[in-house]
N, C-alpha and C. Protein backbone atom coordinates (compact mmCIF):
# COMPACT_ATOMS: atom_id res chain seq x y z
N MET A 1 9.07 5.78 -45.23
CA MET A 1 8.89 6.88 -44.30
C MET A 1 7.45 6.94 -43.81
N LYS A 2 6.50 6.71 -44.73
CA LYS A 2 5.08 6.74 -44.36
C LYS A 2 4.78 5.65 -43.35
N LEU A 3 5.35 4.47 -43.53
CA LEU A 3 5.15 3.35 -42.61
C LEU A 3 5.72 3.68 -41.23
N PHE A 4 6.87 4.33 -41.21
CA PHE A 4 7.49 4.73 -39.95
C PHE A 4 6.61 5.73 -39.21
N ASN A 5 6.04 6.71 -39.92
CA ASN A 5 5.15 7.69 -39.31
C ASN A 5 3.90 7.02 -38.74
N GLN A 6 3.35 6.05 -39.44
CA GLN A 6 2.19 5.32 -38.95
C GLN A 6 2.55 4.54 -37.67
N PHE A 7 3.74 3.96 -37.69
CA PHE A 7 4.21 3.24 -36.50
C PHE A 7 4.31 4.17 -35.30
N LEU A 8 4.87 5.36 -35.51
CA LEU A 8 5.00 6.34 -34.42
C LEU A 8 3.64 6.78 -33.89
N ILE A 9 2.69 6.97 -34.77
CA ILE A 9 1.34 7.37 -34.34
C ILE A 9 0.70 6.27 -33.51
N ILE A 10 0.84 5.03 -33.93
CA ILE A 10 0.29 3.90 -33.18
C ILE A 10 0.98 3.76 -31.83
N LEU A 11 2.30 3.90 -31.83
CA LEU A 11 3.05 3.82 -30.58
C LEU A 11 2.64 4.93 -29.62
N LEU A 12 2.49 6.13 -30.12
CA LEU A 12 2.06 7.25 -29.31
C LEU A 12 0.66 7.00 -28.73
N PHE A 13 -0.24 6.46 -29.54
CA PHE A 13 -1.59 6.14 -29.07
C PHE A 13 -1.55 5.15 -27.92
N PHE A 14 -0.76 4.08 -28.06
CA PHE A 14 -0.66 3.07 -26.99
C PHE A 14 -0.02 3.65 -25.73
N CYS A 15 0.98 4.50 -25.88
CA CYS A 15 1.62 5.12 -24.70
C CYS A 15 0.63 6.00 -23.96
N ILE A 16 -0.11 6.82 -24.68
CA ILE A 16 -1.10 7.69 -24.03
C ILE A 16 -2.18 6.86 -23.36
N THR A 17 -2.64 5.82 -24.01
CA THR A 17 -3.67 4.95 -23.43
C THR A 17 -3.15 4.28 -22.17
N PHE A 18 -1.93 3.77 -22.20
CA PHE A 18 -1.34 3.09 -21.03
C PHE A 18 -1.17 4.06 -19.87
N ILE A 19 -0.63 5.23 -20.12
CA ILE A 19 -0.42 6.22 -19.06
C ILE A 19 -1.76 6.67 -18.48
N SER A 20 -2.75 6.87 -19.33
CA SER A 20 -4.08 7.25 -18.85
C SER A 20 -4.68 6.16 -17.97
N ALA A 21 -4.51 4.91 -18.37
CA ALA A 21 -5.04 3.79 -17.59
C ALA A 21 -4.38 3.74 -16.22
N LEU A 22 -3.08 3.99 -16.15
CA LEU A 22 -2.39 3.99 -14.86
C LEU A 22 -2.90 5.13 -13.99
N HIS A 23 -3.09 6.28 -14.58
CA HIS A 23 -3.54 7.43 -13.81
C HIS A 23 -4.98 7.22 -13.32
N LEU A 24 -5.84 6.72 -14.17
CA LEU A 24 -7.23 6.54 -13.80
C LEU A 24 -7.42 5.43 -12.78
N SER A 25 -6.49 4.52 -12.72
CA SER A 25 -6.65 3.40 -11.79
C SER A 25 -6.41 3.84 -10.35
N GLY A 26 -5.77 4.97 -10.12
CA GLY A 26 -5.62 5.50 -8.79
C GLY A 26 -4.51 4.87 -7.97
N GLN A 27 -3.59 4.18 -8.60
CA GLN A 27 -2.50 3.60 -7.83
C GLN A 27 -1.20 3.65 -8.63
N THR A 28 -0.11 3.51 -7.90
CA THR A 28 1.20 3.40 -8.48
C THR A 28 1.82 2.11 -7.97
N ILE A 29 2.41 1.36 -8.85
CA ILE A 29 2.99 0.07 -8.48
C ILE A 29 4.51 0.22 -8.37
N TYR A 30 5.05 -0.19 -7.22
CA TYR A 30 6.50 -0.17 -7.00
C TYR A 30 6.94 -1.61 -6.78
N GLY A 31 7.40 -2.26 -7.83
CA GLY A 31 7.80 -3.65 -7.73
C GLY A 31 6.58 -4.57 -7.72
N GLU A 32 6.83 -5.82 -7.45
CA GLU A 32 5.75 -6.82 -7.49
C GLU A 32 4.86 -6.77 -6.25
N LYS A 33 5.40 -6.33 -5.12
CA LYS A 33 4.68 -6.48 -3.85
C LYS A 33 4.21 -5.18 -3.22
N ARG A 34 4.40 -4.03 -3.89
CA ARG A 34 4.01 -2.76 -3.28
C ARG A 34 3.13 -1.97 -4.24
N VAL A 35 1.98 -1.54 -3.74
CA VAL A 35 1.09 -0.70 -4.53
C VAL A 35 0.67 0.48 -3.65
N VAL A 36 0.73 1.68 -4.21
CA VAL A 36 0.39 2.91 -3.50
C VAL A 36 -0.89 3.46 -4.10
N PHE A 37 -1.87 3.75 -3.25
CA PHE A 37 -3.13 4.29 -3.72
C PHE A 37 -3.17 5.80 -3.53
N SER A 38 -3.77 6.48 -4.50
CA SER A 38 -3.86 7.94 -4.47
C SER A 38 -4.96 8.39 -3.52
N THR A 39 -5.05 9.70 -3.36
CA THR A 39 -6.07 10.28 -2.49
C THR A 39 -7.48 10.03 -3.00
N ASP A 40 -7.62 9.75 -4.28
CA ASP A 40 -8.94 9.50 -4.86
C ASP A 40 -9.50 8.13 -4.50
N HIS A 41 -8.65 7.24 -4.05
CA HIS A 41 -9.07 5.87 -3.76
C HIS A 41 -9.72 5.81 -2.38
N ARG A 42 -10.92 5.28 -2.31
CA ARG A 42 -11.65 5.18 -1.05
C ARG A 42 -11.14 4.00 -0.22
N ILE A 43 -11.02 4.24 1.08
CA ILE A 43 -10.67 3.18 2.01
C ILE A 43 -11.44 3.38 3.30
N SER A 44 -11.59 2.32 4.05
CA SER A 44 -12.20 2.39 5.36
C SER A 44 -11.11 2.18 6.40
N LEU A 45 -10.99 3.13 7.30
CA LEU A 45 -9.95 3.06 8.33
C LEU A 45 -10.54 2.88 9.72
N ASN A 46 -11.79 2.45 9.81
CA ASN A 46 -12.46 2.31 11.10
C ASN A 46 -11.74 1.36 12.04
N ALA A 47 -11.12 0.34 11.52
CA ALA A 47 -10.45 -0.65 12.37
C ALA A 47 -9.23 -0.07 13.07
N ILE A 48 -8.63 0.95 12.50
CA ILE A 48 -7.38 1.46 13.05
C ILE A 48 -7.49 2.91 13.53
N LEU A 49 -8.43 3.68 12.97
CA LEU A 49 -8.63 5.08 13.35
C LEU A 49 -10.10 5.29 13.72
N ARG A 50 -10.43 5.10 14.93
CA ARG A 50 -11.84 5.18 15.33
C ARG A 50 -12.38 6.61 15.31
N ASP A 51 -11.72 7.53 15.97
CA ASP A 51 -12.25 8.88 16.10
C ASP A 51 -11.34 9.97 15.55
N ALA A 52 -10.31 9.61 14.87
CA ALA A 52 -9.36 10.61 14.38
C ALA A 52 -9.85 11.23 13.07
N SER A 53 -9.66 12.53 12.94
CA SER A 53 -9.93 13.16 11.65
C SER A 53 -8.58 13.22 10.91
N TYR A 54 -8.64 13.05 9.61
CA TYR A 54 -7.41 12.97 8.83
C TYR A 54 -7.65 13.51 7.43
N PHE A 55 -6.55 13.82 6.78
CA PHE A 55 -6.54 14.18 5.37
C PHE A 55 -5.74 13.12 4.65
N ARG A 56 -6.00 12.95 3.37
CA ARG A 56 -5.26 11.97 2.58
C ARG A 56 -4.19 12.67 1.74
N PHE A 57 -3.12 11.96 1.45
CA PHE A 57 -2.12 12.38 0.47
C PHE A 57 -1.64 11.14 -0.26
N THR A 58 -1.07 11.33 -1.43
CA THR A 58 -0.54 10.22 -2.20
C THR A 58 0.94 10.08 -1.87
N PRO A 59 1.34 8.98 -1.22
CA PRO A 59 2.75 8.80 -0.85
C PRO A 59 3.66 8.70 -2.07
N SER A 60 4.83 9.27 -1.95
CA SER A 60 5.86 9.18 -2.99
C SER A 60 6.69 7.92 -2.76
N ILE A 61 7.55 7.61 -3.68
CA ILE A 61 8.46 6.46 -3.52
C ILE A 61 9.38 6.69 -2.32
N ILE A 62 9.77 7.94 -2.05
CA ILE A 62 10.60 8.24 -0.89
C ILE A 62 9.83 7.95 0.40
N ASP A 63 8.54 8.34 0.43
CA ASP A 63 7.70 8.03 1.60
C ASP A 63 7.60 6.52 1.83
N ILE A 64 7.41 5.78 0.75
CA ILE A 64 7.23 4.33 0.85
C ILE A 64 8.54 3.66 1.29
N ASP A 65 9.65 4.05 0.69
CA ASP A 65 10.94 3.48 1.08
C ASP A 65 11.27 3.80 2.54
N SER A 66 10.98 5.03 2.96
CA SER A 66 11.21 5.41 4.37
C SER A 66 10.34 4.57 5.30
N THR A 67 9.09 4.37 4.92
CA THR A 67 8.17 3.55 5.72
C THR A 67 8.71 2.13 5.84
N ASP A 68 9.13 1.56 4.74
CA ASP A 68 9.64 0.19 4.76
C ASP A 68 10.87 0.04 5.65
N ILE A 69 11.73 1.05 5.66
CA ILE A 69 12.92 1.00 6.53
C ILE A 69 12.51 1.01 8.00
N ILE A 70 11.55 1.87 8.35
CA ILE A 70 11.05 1.92 9.72
C ILE A 70 10.47 0.57 10.12
N ILE A 71 9.68 -0.01 9.24
CA ILE A 71 9.02 -1.28 9.55
C ILE A 71 10.03 -2.41 9.67
N GLN A 72 10.97 -2.50 8.75
CA GLN A 72 11.94 -3.59 8.79
C GLN A 72 12.72 -3.62 10.10
N LYS A 73 12.94 -2.46 10.68
CA LYS A 73 13.67 -2.40 11.96
C LYS A 73 12.80 -2.84 13.13
N ASN A 74 11.46 -2.79 12.98
CA ASN A 74 10.56 -3.02 14.10
C ASN A 74 9.52 -4.11 13.88
N PHE A 75 9.59 -4.83 12.78
CA PHE A 75 8.56 -5.83 12.48
C PHE A 75 8.74 -7.04 13.40
N PRO A 76 7.65 -7.53 14.00
CA PRO A 76 7.77 -8.66 14.93
C PRO A 76 8.14 -9.96 14.23
N LEU A 77 8.80 -10.82 14.97
CA LEU A 77 9.18 -12.13 14.43
C LEU A 77 8.12 -13.19 14.71
N THR A 78 7.25 -12.92 15.71
CA THR A 78 6.19 -13.87 16.04
C THR A 78 4.88 -13.12 16.30
N TYR A 79 3.79 -13.86 16.19
CA TYR A 79 2.46 -13.37 16.52
C TYR A 79 1.69 -14.54 17.12
N ASN A 80 1.12 -14.32 18.31
CA ASN A 80 0.44 -15.42 19.03
C ASN A 80 1.33 -16.64 19.12
N GLU A 81 2.59 -16.41 19.43
CA GLU A 81 3.59 -17.46 19.60
C GLU A 81 3.86 -18.27 18.33
N LYS A 82 3.47 -17.73 17.18
CA LYS A 82 3.76 -18.38 15.90
C LYS A 82 4.64 -17.46 15.08
N LYS A 83 5.55 -18.05 14.36
CA LYS A 83 6.45 -17.28 13.51
C LYS A 83 5.67 -16.60 12.39
N VAL A 84 6.01 -15.36 12.10
CA VAL A 84 5.39 -14.64 10.98
C VAL A 84 6.39 -14.54 9.84
N ASN A 85 5.88 -14.23 8.65
CA ASN A 85 6.76 -14.02 7.50
C ASN A 85 7.63 -12.80 7.74
N SER A 86 8.75 -12.73 7.08
CA SER A 86 9.53 -11.50 7.15
C SER A 86 8.76 -10.44 6.38
N PHE A 87 8.89 -9.20 6.79
CA PHE A 87 8.11 -8.10 6.23
C PHE A 87 8.18 -8.05 4.71
N GLU A 88 9.36 -8.21 4.14
CA GLU A 88 9.51 -8.07 2.69
C GLU A 88 8.80 -9.17 1.90
N ASN A 89 8.34 -10.23 2.57
CA ASN A 89 7.61 -11.30 1.89
C ASN A 89 6.12 -11.02 1.76
N TYR A 90 5.61 -9.98 2.42
CA TYR A 90 4.19 -9.64 2.34
C TYR A 90 3.92 -8.75 1.13
N PHE A 91 2.76 -8.95 0.50
CA PHE A 91 2.25 -8.03 -0.51
C PHE A 91 1.61 -6.88 0.26
N ARG A 92 1.91 -5.62 -0.15
CA ARG A 92 1.50 -4.49 0.66
C ARG A 92 0.80 -3.40 -0.15
N GLN A 93 -0.25 -2.85 0.46
CA GLN A 93 -0.97 -1.70 -0.10
C GLN A 93 -0.73 -0.51 0.82
N TYR A 94 -0.38 0.64 0.25
CA TYR A 94 -0.03 1.83 1.03
C TYR A 94 -1.02 2.96 0.74
N TYR A 95 -1.41 3.66 1.82
CA TYR A 95 -2.30 4.82 1.74
C TYR A 95 -1.71 5.92 2.61
N GLY A 96 -1.66 7.16 2.11
CA GLY A 96 -1.10 8.26 2.87
C GLY A 96 -2.16 9.04 3.65
N LEU A 97 -1.84 9.37 4.90
CA LEU A 97 -2.73 10.13 5.77
C LEU A 97 -1.95 11.26 6.44
N VAL A 98 -2.64 12.33 6.76
CA VAL A 98 -2.07 13.39 7.57
C VAL A 98 -3.00 13.57 8.77
N ILE A 99 -2.44 13.38 9.97
CA ILE A 99 -3.19 13.54 11.22
C ILE A 99 -2.41 14.49 12.12
N ASN A 100 -3.05 15.56 12.53
CA ASN A 100 -2.40 16.56 13.39
C ASN A 100 -1.05 17.02 12.83
N GLY A 101 -0.97 17.20 11.52
CA GLY A 101 0.25 17.69 10.89
C GLY A 101 1.32 16.64 10.66
N ARG A 102 1.09 15.40 11.08
CA ARG A 102 2.07 14.32 10.90
C ARG A 102 1.69 13.47 9.69
N LYS A 103 2.70 13.06 8.92
CA LYS A 103 2.46 12.16 7.79
C LYS A 103 2.51 10.72 8.29
N LEU A 104 1.45 9.98 7.97
CA LEU A 104 1.37 8.57 8.34
C LEU A 104 1.05 7.75 7.10
N ILE A 105 1.48 6.50 7.14
CA ILE A 105 1.19 5.57 6.06
C ILE A 105 0.38 4.42 6.65
N PHE A 106 -0.78 4.16 6.07
CA PHE A 106 -1.61 3.01 6.43
C PHE A 106 -1.27 1.89 5.46
N ILE A 107 -1.05 0.68 5.99
CA ILE A 107 -0.63 -0.45 5.15
C ILE A 107 -1.51 -1.66 5.42
N ASN A 108 -1.92 -2.31 4.34
CA ASN A 108 -2.52 -3.64 4.40
C ASN A 108 -1.45 -4.61 3.93
N GLY A 109 -1.20 -5.67 4.68
CA GLY A 109 -0.21 -6.67 4.28
C GLY A 109 -0.83 -8.03 4.13
N TYR A 110 -0.43 -8.75 3.10
CA TYR A 110 -0.97 -10.08 2.78
C TYR A 110 0.19 -11.04 2.50
N CYS A 111 0.09 -12.27 2.97
CA CYS A 111 1.16 -13.23 2.73
C CYS A 111 1.10 -13.82 1.32
N PHE A 112 0.06 -13.52 0.59
CA PHE A 112 -0.04 -13.91 -0.82
C PHE A 112 -0.73 -12.76 -1.55
N LYS A 113 -0.70 -12.76 -2.85
CA LYS A 113 -1.30 -11.68 -3.62
C LYS A 113 -2.80 -11.95 -3.75
N PRO A 114 -3.64 -11.20 -3.02
CA PRO A 114 -5.08 -11.46 -3.07
C PRO A 114 -5.70 -10.96 -4.37
N LYS A 115 -6.83 -11.53 -4.70
CA LYS A 115 -7.58 -11.07 -5.86
C LYS A 115 -7.95 -9.61 -5.63
N GLY A 116 -7.77 -8.78 -6.61
CA GLY A 116 -8.07 -7.36 -6.49
C GLY A 116 -7.00 -6.56 -5.78
N PHE A 117 -5.82 -7.12 -5.61
CA PHE A 117 -4.74 -6.45 -4.88
C PHE A 117 -4.44 -5.07 -5.44
N LEU A 118 -4.46 -4.92 -6.75
CA LEU A 118 -4.13 -3.64 -7.37
C LEU A 118 -5.32 -2.68 -7.44
N GLU A 119 -6.51 -3.18 -7.20
CA GLU A 119 -7.70 -2.35 -7.35
C GLU A 119 -8.28 -1.86 -6.03
N ASN A 120 -8.21 -2.69 -4.98
CA ASN A 120 -8.89 -2.28 -3.75
C ASN A 120 -8.31 -2.96 -2.53
N LYS A 121 -8.83 -2.57 -1.40
CA LYS A 121 -8.44 -3.15 -0.12
C LYS A 121 -9.31 -4.37 0.14
N SER A 122 -8.69 -5.46 0.51
CA SER A 122 -9.42 -6.67 0.86
C SER A 122 -9.31 -6.87 2.36
N GLY A 123 -10.36 -7.32 2.96
CA GLY A 123 -10.33 -7.59 4.40
C GLY A 123 -10.49 -9.07 4.64
N PHE A 124 -9.85 -9.57 5.67
CA PHE A 124 -9.92 -10.98 5.99
C PHE A 124 -10.20 -11.15 7.46
N LYS A 125 -10.93 -12.18 7.80
CA LYS A 125 -11.20 -12.51 9.20
C LYS A 125 -10.61 -13.87 9.47
N GLY A 126 -9.95 -14.00 10.60
CA GLY A 126 -9.39 -15.30 10.97
C GLY A 126 -8.21 -15.69 10.12
N GLY A 127 -7.48 -14.73 9.59
CA GLY A 127 -6.36 -15.04 8.71
C GLY A 127 -5.06 -15.31 9.42
N GLY A 128 -5.07 -15.25 10.74
CA GLY A 128 -3.85 -15.50 11.49
C GLY A 128 -2.76 -14.51 11.13
N ASN A 129 -1.52 -15.00 11.08
CA ASN A 129 -0.40 -14.10 10.82
C ASN A 129 -0.19 -13.83 9.33
N CYS A 130 -1.13 -14.25 8.50
CA CYS A 130 -1.00 -14.05 7.06
C CYS A 130 -1.43 -12.64 6.63
N PHE A 131 -2.17 -11.94 7.48
CA PHE A 131 -2.69 -10.62 7.12
C PHE A 131 -2.48 -9.64 8.26
N PHE A 132 -2.10 -8.41 7.92
CA PHE A 132 -1.96 -7.39 8.95
C PHE A 132 -2.39 -6.03 8.42
N ILE A 133 -2.70 -5.12 9.35
CA ILE A 133 -2.88 -3.72 9.04
C ILE A 133 -1.94 -2.96 9.97
N MET A 134 -1.43 -1.84 9.47
CA MET A 134 -0.41 -1.12 10.22
C MET A 134 -0.53 0.37 9.92
N LEU A 135 -0.21 1.18 10.91
CA LEU A 135 -0.14 2.62 10.75
C LEU A 135 1.25 3.07 11.17
N VAL A 136 1.99 3.66 10.23
CA VAL A 136 3.37 4.07 10.47
C VAL A 136 3.45 5.59 10.41
N ASP A 137 4.01 6.18 11.45
CA ASP A 137 4.23 7.62 11.52
C ASP A 137 5.60 7.90 10.91
N ILE A 138 5.61 8.42 9.66
CA ILE A 138 6.90 8.65 9.02
C ILE A 138 7.50 9.99 9.46
N THR A 139 6.69 10.85 10.07
CA THR A 139 7.22 12.09 10.62
C THR A 139 8.10 11.78 11.84
N ASN A 140 7.60 10.92 12.73
CA ASN A 140 8.32 10.56 13.96
C ASN A 140 9.07 9.23 13.85
N LYS A 141 9.02 8.60 12.67
CA LYS A 141 9.76 7.37 12.39
C LYS A 141 9.45 6.24 13.38
N LYS A 142 8.13 5.92 13.50
CA LYS A 142 7.76 4.83 14.39
C LYS A 142 6.45 4.19 13.92
N ILE A 143 6.25 2.94 14.34
CA ILE A 143 5.00 2.24 14.08
C ILE A 143 4.01 2.63 15.17
N ASN A 144 2.87 3.19 14.76
CA ASN A 144 1.84 3.57 15.74
C ASN A 144 0.96 2.38 16.11
N ASN A 145 0.52 1.63 15.12
CA ASN A 145 -0.38 0.49 15.34
C ASN A 145 0.00 -0.64 14.40
N LEU A 146 -0.11 -1.86 14.91
CA LEU A 146 0.09 -3.05 14.08
C LEU A 146 -0.86 -4.12 14.61
N TYR A 147 -1.73 -4.60 13.73
CA TYR A 147 -2.68 -5.64 14.09
C TYR A 147 -2.63 -6.77 13.07
N PHE A 148 -2.38 -7.97 13.56
CA PHE A 148 -2.55 -9.14 12.73
C PHE A 148 -3.98 -9.63 12.92
N ASN A 149 -4.52 -10.34 11.94
CA ASN A 149 -5.87 -10.85 12.09
C ASN A 149 -5.93 -11.93 13.14
N ALA A 150 -7.14 -12.27 13.49
CA ALA A 150 -7.37 -13.27 14.56
C ALA A 150 -6.73 -14.60 14.19
N PRO A 151 -6.41 -15.42 15.19
CA PRO A 151 -5.84 -16.73 14.91
C PRO A 151 -6.78 -17.57 14.05
N LYS A 152 -6.21 -18.49 13.30
CA LYS A 152 -7.01 -19.38 12.46
C LYS A 152 -7.81 -20.33 13.30
């Protein structure tokens, strides 16, 4: 019985440590290719929102699934006359924004899992159709902006 109690204490310690680490990291992972960052995580949106004022929110799984459905219906098949990957093949980082009362999701997409994918936003220049940024209006169910990086 004493050994069982010690096991429970150790298990409880590891569970609390693991949950704390997830919370402190500022993101939630949904599957292998989707990571959602909380409002505490800093990002630069200058490339897509030049003069807009916005508030941040942490997207829920419902927000992310809704966003993915909107995108899958409208994702382009080509960029600069070259075929692009299907949307579900990209590794994606999601950030929640509120602009003029509308909920929007900002997404970074990568054709491979970049170093630091779970910790921060990575930027690439000249990545062709392998990298994109996107702003999806989940209130109005449409893609507001989609930019692939410059051709290789």
